[in-house]
Amino acid sequence: MASATGSEVPLDPIAAAAAQDAGGIDAELLVDFLSALVAAVATGNRLGRRDLALYRDAGRKAAARGVAMRALLDLYLSAAWRLWRHLPEVSSAQDPNTVVRAGEVMLRAVDDVVAVLTEGYQLARRDLVAAQAAARREFVDDLLLGGAQALAGLVERAGSFGLSLAGPHSAVVVQAERAFTDSSPLTAMLERSILGTKADADALVTTKKGSLVVIFAAPDRGAIDQVVTGLARSLPTAATTAGVQLRRTADVGAWRMGVGRAHQGPSGVRLSYEQALEALELGARLGGNEQVWDAADLLVQRVLVRDETAMRELVDAVLTPLTGARGGAESLLRTLEAYFATGGNASLAARSLHLSVRALTYRLEKVADLTRRDPTDPAQRFELQTAVTGARLLGWPDFE
């Protein structure tokens, strides 16, 4: 660098020393900062807009290179204090007022430069973050919703987001009263809750239409269970949603979770995501207080809903007689559900319904009389249980 005043000021050694102070970053990021300071102090003039524009560009360049803001500011401030003693107005000053004026001019110039330098850096970082967010969103859309053409190159692109699609992956979708967003601290909290699981450390946590979506490596069933458990522990339980929280949970209100099965490759991730959404839909149809709905446990229900016409015929043929019972079909349906859920154990079923065993047995006999199918007979139980499941999926008897 050459001195703007012709004085022998060691600008290059000062720049090199300042670069070392800042952790060894490129001294070229100073542009002509040192010579500009020498000229400003010599003339007493402030730096012009065109001059300052150079440092705004330098801030952008530093951000693009990944230089930390602290290191960039350290470079400029170190250059300024190292230059100070070499300024002719300081080293050869006879009048203290000359040093004061030089200090004022220099500090103002440094202040102006640091301001535009920071502005350029922050604007560049904002643009970079926006670009990364857009790329991430595009990748997620292509992975979860894109057509066959979008699958091309997804394996390579996934690596940019810390995800390897070489092995089997599963998807989990969480829906809650409070919508999830990518920038929400709740999303970040739930992301931390699954770190260290058996998901082989690669996972993508994102949001879609207000839902939390987690895509993770699932080499075995244990990996899926641990991710689901980790998320569930960070979400409020039904018992503590409105009460005292004994542990820190994400304040999202009531929530439901759908879990897809593990599949291979990008198309497998999409299939698992669709299964997680379908599990949530089936869970809503079936009702109850369950918060986690696993596609692996809903295979029969999935088969039933895919032939709705046949299912309606089955429900109508088997269960319509129950509507003639006193009080309607609902109490008898709940009795059958409890009985089937306990594997045909009348004592457990009665306890879950807060009934006596005698009352439950009476209801089962009533079902047998009306439908001509005995719930206690293994040969007839399957048809009744299938019809009851179909009824819940259809919202029977109000589906007409």
Protein backbone atom coordinates (compact mmCIF):
# COMPACT_ATOMS: atom_id res chain seq x y z
CA MET A 1 0.00 0.00 0.00
CA ALA A 2 1.21 3.51 -0.74
CA SER A 3 0.76 6.44 1.64
CA ALA A 4 -1.68 9.05 0.44
CA THR A 5 0.47 11.82 1.92
CA GLY A 6 3.85 10.63 0.66
CA SER A 7 5.04 9.96 4.23
CA GLU A 8 6.83 6.76 5.00
CA VAL A 9 4.06 4.96 6.89
CA PRO A 10 4.53 1.15 6.96
CA LEU A 11 1.04 0.32 5.74
CA ASP A 12 1.72 -3.23 4.54
CA PRO A 13 3.36 -4.41 7.81
CA ILE A 14 0.53 -2.79 9.78
CA ALA A 15 -2.07 -4.59 7.65
CA ALA A 16 -0.27 -7.90 8.05
CA ALA A 17 -0.03 -7.50 11.83
CA ALA A 18 -3.71 -6.58 12.07
CA ALA A 19 -4.62 -9.67 10.03
CA GLN A 20 -2.72 -11.81 12.53
CA ASP A 21 -4.53 -10.09 15.42
CA ALA A 22 -7.81 -11.10 13.79
CA GLY A 23 -6.90 -14.76 13.58
CA GLY A 24 -5.02 -14.77 10.30
CA ILE A 25 -7.81 -13.64 7.99
CA ASP A 26 -7.04 -12.08 4.63
CA ALA A 27 -5.57 -8.58 4.97
CA GLU A 28 -7.03 -7.73 1.55
CA LEU A 29 -10.38 -7.32 3.30
CA LEU A 30 -9.02 -3.96 4.55
CA VAL A 31 -9.20 -2.67 0.95
CA ASP A 32 -7.53 0.79 1.19
CA PHE A 33 -8.62 1.45 4.77
CA LEU A 34 -5.15 2.41 6.04
CA SER A 35 -4.30 4.79 3.23
CA ALA A 36 -7.78 6.30 3.51
CA LEU A 37 -7.21 6.98 7.20
CA VAL A 38 -3.83 8.57 6.50
CA ALA A 39 -5.42 10.83 3.89
CA ALA A 40 -8.40 11.73 6.10
CA VAL A 41 -6.17 12.74 9.02
CA ALA A 42 -3.89 14.74 6.70
CA THR A 43 -6.75 16.69 5.11
CA GLY A 44 -9.18 16.74 8.02
CA ASN A 45 -11.98 15.59 5.71
CA ARG A 46 -14.51 12.83 6.35
CA LEU A 47 -14.63 9.84 4.04
CA GLY A 48 -17.07 10.24 1.16
CA ARG A 49 -19.94 7.98 0.19
CA ARG A 50 -18.02 6.40 -2.65
CA ASP A 51 -15.17 5.61 -0.31
CA LEU A 52 -17.52 4.10 2.26
CA ALA A 53 -19.19 1.97 -0.41
CA LEU A 54 -15.92 0.04 -0.72
CA TYR A 55 -16.19 -1.08 2.89
CA ARG A 56 -19.82 -2.06 2.55
CA ASP A 57 -18.70 -4.34 -0.27
CA ALA A 58 -15.85 -5.59 1.91
CA GLY A 59 -18.37 -6.54 4.59
CA ARG A 60 -20.41 -8.46 2.03
CA LYS A 61 -17.31 -10.23 0.75
CA ALA A 62 -16.27 -11.23 4.29
CA ALA A 63 -19.71 -12.66 5.01
CA ALA A 64 -19.67 -14.65 1.78
CA ARG A 65 -16.29 -16.11 2.74
CA GLY A 66 -17.59 -17.15 6.15
CA VAL A 67 -15.43 -14.71 8.10
CA ALA A 68 -16.83 -14.09 11.57
CA MET A 69 -18.09 -10.59 12.32
CA ARG A 70 -15.87 -10.40 15.40
CA ALA A 71 -12.76 -11.24 13.34
CA LEU A 72 -13.66 -8.69 10.68
CA LEU A 73 -14.08 -5.88 13.20
CA ASP A 74 -10.91 -6.97 14.97
CA LEU A 75 -9.04 -6.62 11.66
CA TYR A 76 -10.17 -3.02 11.14
CA LEU A 77 -9.79 -1.87 14.73
CA SER A 78 -6.38 -3.47 15.09
CA ALA A 79 -5.28 -1.80 11.87
CA ALA A 80 -6.46 1.57 13.21
CA TRP A 81 -4.67 1.41 16.56
CA ARG A 82 -1.51 0.07 14.99
CA LEU A 83 -1.54 2.90 12.45
CA TRP A 84 -2.04 5.65 15.03
CA ARG A 85 1.53 6.02 16.28
CA HIS A 86 2.87 6.12 12.69
CA LEU A 87 0.72 9.06 11.56
CA PRO A 88 2.89 12.14 10.86
CA GLU A 89 0.34 14.29 12.68
CA VAL A 90 0.97 12.18 15.79
CA SER A 91 4.62 11.13 15.60
CA SER A 92 5.88 14.61 14.63
CA ALA A 93 3.31 16.74 16.43
CA GLN A 94 4.54 19.86 18.22
CA ASP A 95 1.10 21.05 19.28
CA PRO A 96 -1.16 18.81 21.43
CA ASN A 97 -4.17 20.26 19.65
CA THR A 98 -2.88 18.73 16.42
CA VAL A 99 -2.98 15.29 18.05
CA VAL A 100 -6.49 15.93 19.34
CA ARG A 101 -7.74 16.93 15.90
CA ALA A 102 -6.04 13.92 14.33
CA GLY A 103 -7.69 11.66 16.88
CA GLU A 104 -11.13 13.13 16.25
CA VAL A 105 -10.79 12.77 12.47
CA MET A 106 -9.49 9.23 12.74
CA LEU A 107 -12.13 8.06 15.23
CA ARG A 108 -14.89 9.53 13.10
CA ALA A 109 -13.49 7.82 10.00
CA VAL A 110 -13.20 4.49 11.84
CA ASP A 111 -16.74 4.91 13.13
CA ASP A 112 -18.09 5.56 9.61
CA VAL A 113 -16.20 2.62 8.15
CA VAL A 114 -17.23 0.17 10.87
CA ALA A 115 -20.88 1.21 10.45
CA VAL A 116 -21.01 0.51 6.70
CA LEU A 117 -18.78 -2.55 7.09
CA THR A 118 -21.24 -4.03 9.58
CA GLU A 119 -24.20 -3.08 7.41
CA GLY A 120 -22.72 -4.82 4.39
CA TYR A 121 -21.88 -7.89 6.45
CA GLN A 122 -25.35 -8.14 7.96
CA LEU A 123 -27.09 -7.64 4.62
CA ALA A 124 -24.96 -10.36 3.07
CA ARG A 125 -25.66 -12.72 5.97
CA ARG A 126 -29.37 -12.01 5.68
CA ASP A 127 -29.28 -12.77 1.97
CA LEU A 128 -27.28 -15.94 2.64
CA VAL A 129 -29.68 -17.14 5.34
CA ALA A 130 -32.64 -16.39 3.06
CA ALA A 131 -31.01 -18.30 0.23
CA GLN A 132 -30.28 -21.25 2.50
CA ALA A 133 -33.83 -21.21 3.85
CA ALA A 134 -35.22 -21.11 0.31
CA ALA A 135 -32.95 -23.99 -0.74
CA ARG A 136 -33.98 -25.99 2.31
CA ARG A 137 -37.67 -25.33 1.66
CA GLU A 138 -37.29 -26.31 -2.00
CA PHE A 139 -35.51 -29.51 -0.98
CA VAL A 140 -38.21 -30.39 1.55
CA ASP A 141 -40.97 -29.71 -1.00
CA ASP A 142 -39.24 -31.87 -3.60
CA LEU A 143 -38.63 -34.63 -1.07
CA LEU A 144 -42.13 -34.74 0.40
CA LEU A 145 -44.39 -33.49 -2.36
CA GLY A 146 -42.49 -33.38 -5.64
CA GLY A 147 -43.19 -35.56 -8.66
CA ALA A 148 -40.97 -38.20 -10.20
CA GLN A 149 -38.73 -35.61 -11.85
CA ALA A 150 -38.04 -33.93 -8.49
CA LEU A 151 -36.49 -37.16 -7.17
CA ALA A 152 -33.47 -36.69 -9.42
CA GLY A 153 -30.50 -35.41 -7.47
CA LEU A 154 -32.22 -35.56 -4.07
CA VAL A 155 -29.65 -37.96 -2.67
CA GLU A 156 -26.84 -35.51 -3.45
CA ARG A 157 -28.79 -32.47 -2.27
CA ALA A 158 -29.72 -34.19 1.00
CA GLY A 159 -26.08 -34.13 2.10
CA SER A 160 -26.20 -30.33 2.21
CA PHE A 161 -28.81 -30.56 4.95
CA GLY A 162 -27.11 -33.23 7.05
CA LEU A 163 -29.26 -36.06 5.71
CA SER A 164 -28.07 -39.26 4.03
CA LEU A 165 -30.77 -41.06 2.08
CA ALA A 166 -28.73 -44.18 1.44
CA GLY A 167 -30.48 -46.29 4.10
CA PRO A 168 -34.08 -46.67 5.32
CA HIS A 169 -35.77 -43.57 6.71
CA SER A 170 -38.98 -42.85 8.53
CA ALA A 171 -41.09 -39.71 8.88
CA VAL A 172 -42.97 -38.37 11.89
CA VAL A 173 -45.56 -35.59 11.69
CA VAL A 174 -46.70 -33.68 14.78
CA GLN A 175 -49.82 -31.52 14.67
CA ALA A 176 -50.66 -29.21 17.57
CA GLU A 177 -52.96 -26.38 18.59
CA ARG A 178 -50.04 -24.00 18.23
CA ALA A 179 -48.64 -24.08 14.70
CA PHE A 180 -44.97 -24.89 14.18
CA THR A 181 -42.69 -22.59 12.18
CA ASP A 182 -39.07 -23.04 11.12
CA SER A 183 -37.93 -20.04 13.18
CA SER A 184 -39.86 -20.97 16.33
CA PRO A 185 -37.82 -21.82 19.47
CA LEU A 186 -40.33 -24.64 20.04
CA THR A 187 -39.18 -26.25 16.80
CA ALA A 188 -35.55 -25.91 17.89
CA MET A 189 -36.39 -27.41 21.29
CA LEU A 190 -38.00 -30.47 19.74
CA GLU A 191 -35.08 -30.83 17.35
CA ARG A 192 -32.74 -31.02 20.34
CA SER A 193 -34.97 -33.64 21.95
CA ILE A 194 -34.15 -36.24 19.29
CA LEU A 195 -30.38 -35.72 19.19
CA GLY A 196 -28.45 -38.78 20.25
CA THR A 197 -31.17 -41.28 19.32
CA LYS A 198 -30.57 -44.47 17.40
CA ALA A 199 -31.36 -42.60 14.19
CA ASP A 200 -27.67 -42.77 13.23
CA ALA A 201 -27.36 -39.04 13.94
CA ASP A 202 -28.82 -37.88 10.61
CA ALA A 203 -32.18 -36.22 10.85
CA LEU A 204 -34.01 -33.34 9.23
CA VAL A 205 -36.45 -31.34 11.34
CA THR A 206 -38.65 -28.97 9.37
CA THR A 207 -42.21 -27.67 9.21
CA LYS A 208 -44.99 -28.11 6.68
CA LYS A 209 -48.34 -26.33 6.78
CA GLY A 210 -48.00 -25.65 10.51
CA SER A 211 -46.98 -29.22 11.36
CA LEU A 212 -43.61 -30.41 12.60
CA VAL A 213 -42.00 -32.93 10.26
CA VAL A 214 -39.05 -35.10 11.32
CA ILE A 215 -37.25 -37.27 8.76
CA PHE A 216 -34.64 -39.57 10.25
CA ALA A 217 -32.60 -42.69 9.60
CA ALA A 218 -34.49 -45.76 10.79
CA PRO A 219 -32.23 -48.82 10.52
CA ASP A 220 -34.46 -50.69 12.99
CA ARG A 221 -37.66 -50.34 14.97
CA GLY A 222 -35.69 -49.17 17.99
CA ALA A 223 -34.61 -46.03 16.13
CA ILE A 224 -38.25 -45.13 15.41
CA ASP A 225 -39.32 -45.80 18.99
CA GLN A 226 -36.56 -43.64 20.43
CA VAL A 227 -37.32 -40.69 18.16
CA VAL A 228 -41.03 -40.93 19.00
CA THR A 229 -40.23 -41.21 22.71
CA GLY A 230 -37.83 -38.25 22.57
CA LEU A 231 -40.44 -36.06 20.91
CA ALA A 232 -43.25 -37.20 23.21
CA ARG A 233 -41.19 -36.41 26.31
CA SER A 234 -40.77 -32.83 25.13
CA LEU A 235 -44.46 -32.40 24.39
CA PRO A 236 -47.10 -31.85 27.09
CA THR A 237 -48.95 -34.94 28.27
CA ALA A 238 -52.71 -34.96 28.42
CA ALA A 239 -52.51 -34.81 32.21
CA THR A 240 -50.21 -31.78 32.35
CA THR A 241 -51.39 -29.73 29.38
CA ALA A 242 -53.45 -27.45 31.62
CA GLY A 243 -51.76 -28.19 34.92
CA VAL A 244 -48.38 -27.92 36.63
CA GLN A 245 -45.47 -28.95 34.41
CA LEU A 246 -43.03 -31.24 36.22
CA ARG A 247 -40.54 -31.06 33.34
CA ARG A 248 -39.85 -28.61 30.57
CA THR A 249 -42.08 -29.19 27.57
CA ALA A 250 -42.84 -27.36 24.35
CA ASP A 251 -45.87 -25.14 24.92
CA VAL A 252 -47.87 -26.25 21.89
CA GLY A 253 -51.17 -27.21 23.53
CA ALA A 254 -52.96 -30.42 22.57
CA TRP A 255 -51.04 -32.45 20.00
CA ARG A 256 -51.17 -35.63 17.94
CA MET A 257 -48.33 -37.50 16.26
CA GLY A 258 -48.39 -39.64 13.14
CA VAL A 259 -45.56 -42.12 12.54
CA GLY A 260 -44.73 -43.51 9.10
CA ARG A 261 -43.05 -46.85 8.47
CA ALA A 262 -39.39 -47.06 7.40
CA HIS A 263 -38.68 -47.17 3.66
CA GLN A 264 -35.63 -46.94 1.42
CA GLY A 265 -34.49 -43.93 -0.61
CA PRO A 266 -36.10 -40.54 -1.44
CA SER A 267 -39.33 -42.15 -2.67
CA GLY A 268 -39.42 -44.12 0.59
CA VAL A 269 -39.21 -40.91 2.62
CA ARG A 270 -42.18 -39.52 0.70
CA LEU A 271 -44.14 -42.74 1.26
CA SER A 272 -43.36 -42.68 5.00
CA TYR A 273 -44.50 -39.04 5.18
CA GLU A 274 -47.77 -39.90 3.45
CA GLN A 275 -48.27 -42.81 5.85
CA ALA A 276 -47.70 -40.51 8.84
CA LEU A 277 -50.38 -38.13 7.52
CA GLU A 278 -52.71 -41.04 6.86
CA ALA A 279 -52.14 -42.32 10.39
CA LEU A 280 -53.20 -38.94 11.76
CA GLU A 281 -56.32 -38.99 9.60
CA LEU A 282 -57.22 -42.50 10.66
CA GLY A 283 -56.60 -41.58 14.29
CA ALA A 284 -58.99 -38.65 13.98
CA ARG A 285 -61.64 -40.97 12.54
CA LEU A 286 -61.17 -43.61 15.21
CA GLY A 287 -61.36 -41.04 18.02
CA GLY A 288 -60.18 -41.72 21.54
CA ASN A 289 -57.44 -40.10 23.60
CA GLU A 290 -54.42 -41.60 21.83
CA GLN A 291 -51.74 -39.04 21.00
CA VAL A 292 -49.42 -41.21 18.90
CA TRP A 293 -50.76 -43.00 15.84
CA ASP A 294 -48.36 -45.42 14.18
CA ALA A 295 -48.92 -46.54 10.59
CA ALA A 296 -47.45 -49.93 11.53
CA ASP A 297 -50.37 -50.48 13.92
CA LEU A 298 -53.05 -49.33 11.47
CA LEU A 299 -52.57 -51.73 8.58
CA VAL A 300 -56.04 -53.26 8.92
CA GLN A 301 -57.64 -49.83 9.14
CA ARG A 302 -55.79 -48.70 6.01
CA VAL A 303 -57.12 -51.71 4.11
CA LEU A 304 -60.64 -50.99 5.27
CA VAL A 305 -60.73 -47.34 4.20
CA ARG A 306 -59.44 -48.16 0.73
CA ASP A 307 -62.65 -50.01 -0.11
CA GLU A 308 -65.18 -47.75 1.52
CA THR A 309 -68.12 -49.18 -0.39
CA ALA A 310 -67.49 -52.69 0.86
CA MET A 311 -66.90 -51.40 4.37
CA ARG A 312 -70.19 -49.52 4.38
CA GLU A 313 -71.97 -52.69 3.29
CA LEU A 314 -70.32 -54.67 6.09
CA VAL A 315 -71.17 -52.10 8.75
CA ASP A 316 -74.73 -51.79 7.52
CA ALA A 317 -75.27 -55.56 7.40
CA VAL A 318 -73.71 -56.35 10.77
CA LEU A 319 -74.35 -53.34 13.01
CA THR A 320 -77.58 -51.72 11.82
CA PRO A 321 -79.66 -53.89 14.23
CA LEU A 322 -77.82 -52.22 17.15
CA THR A 323 -79.57 -48.91 16.39
CA GLY A 324 -82.79 -50.49 17.63
CA ALA A 325 -81.38 -51.00 21.12
CA ARG A 326 -82.57 -48.81 23.95
CA GLY A 327 -80.32 -45.74 24.02
CA GLY A 328 -78.99 -46.42 20.53
CA ALA A 329 -75.89 -48.19 19.29
CA GLU A 330 -73.14 -46.12 20.92
CA SER A 331 -72.99 -47.83 24.32
CA LEU A 332 -72.94 -51.25 22.65
CA LEU A 333 -70.18 -50.16 20.27
CA ARG A 334 -68.05 -48.91 23.20
CA THR A 335 -68.66 -52.19 24.97
CA LEU A 336 -67.47 -54.17 21.95
CA GLU A 337 -64.39 -51.95 21.57
CA ALA A 338 -63.41 -52.43 25.20
CA TYR A 339 -63.99 -56.18 25.01
CA PHE A 340 -61.93 -56.59 21.85
CA ALA A 341 -59.18 -54.30 23.19
CA THR A 342 -58.67 -56.57 26.20
CA GLY A 343 -58.52 -59.70 24.09
CA GLY A 344 -61.92 -60.90 25.22
CA ASN A 345 -61.27 -60.45 28.95
CA ALA A 346 -64.64 -59.50 30.41
CA SER A 347 -63.25 -58.43 33.80
CA LEU A 348 -60.71 -55.99 32.29
CA ALA A 349 -63.24 -54.67 29.79
CA ALA A 350 -65.82 -54.07 32.52
CA ARG A 351 -63.24 -52.25 34.64
CA SER A 352 -62.27 -49.96 31.75
CA LEU A 353 -65.93 -49.05 31.26
CA HIS A 354 -66.63 -48.72 34.99
CA LEU A 355 -69.23 -51.48 34.75
CA SER A 356 -69.82 -54.67 36.65
CA VAL A 357 -68.93 -57.88 34.87
CA ARG A 358 -72.60 -58.78 34.94
CA ALA A 359 -73.57 -55.54 33.20
CA LEU A 360 -70.92 -56.03 30.55
CA THR A 361 -71.99 -59.63 29.96
CA TYR A 362 -75.59 -58.46 29.55
CA ARG A 363 -74.52 -55.99 26.88
CA LEU A 364 -72.57 -58.65 25.00
CA GLU A 365 -75.64 -60.91 25.07
CA LYS A 366 -77.71 -58.01 23.73
CA VAL A 367 -75.27 -57.60 20.83
CA ALA A 368 -75.49 -61.32 20.08
CA ASP A 369 -79.30 -61.21 20.11
CA LEU A 370 -79.52 -58.20 17.80
CA THR A 371 -76.77 -59.05 15.31
CA ARG A 372 -76.94 -62.86 15.51
CA ARG A 373 -73.16 -62.80 16.01
CA ASP A 374 -71.72 -63.80 19.36
CA PRO A 375 -68.75 -61.59 20.43
CA THR A 376 -67.44 -64.40 22.64
CA ASP A 377 -67.31 -66.87 19.76
CA PRO A 378 -63.88 -66.68 18.06
CA ALA A 379 -65.39 -67.59 14.70
CA GLN A 380 -67.85 -64.66 14.81
CA ARG A 381 -65.69 -62.17 16.73
CA PHE A 382 -63.55 -61.23 13.72
CA GLU A 383 -66.52 -60.07 11.63
CA LEU A 384 -67.90 -58.03 14.53
CA GLN A 385 -64.52 -56.47 15.33
CA THR A 386 -63.94 -55.55 11.68
CA ALA A 387 -67.40 -53.99 11.47
CA VAL A 388 -66.84 -51.98 14.66
CA THR A 389 -63.52 -50.68 13.35
CA GLY A 390 -65.17 -49.75 10.07
CA ALA A 391 -67.96 -47.99 11.92
CA ARG A 392 -65.50 -45.75 13.73
CA LEU A 393 -63.65 -44.97 10.52
CA LEU A 394 -66.90 -44.03 8.80
CA GLY A 395 -68.41 -42.16 11.73
CA TRP A 396 -71.29 -44.63 11.79
CA PRO A 397 -74.24 -44.44 12.35
CA ASP A 398 -74.16 -40.84 11.11
CA PHE A 399 -72.34 -41.42 7.83
CA GLU A 400 -75.41 -41.41 5.65
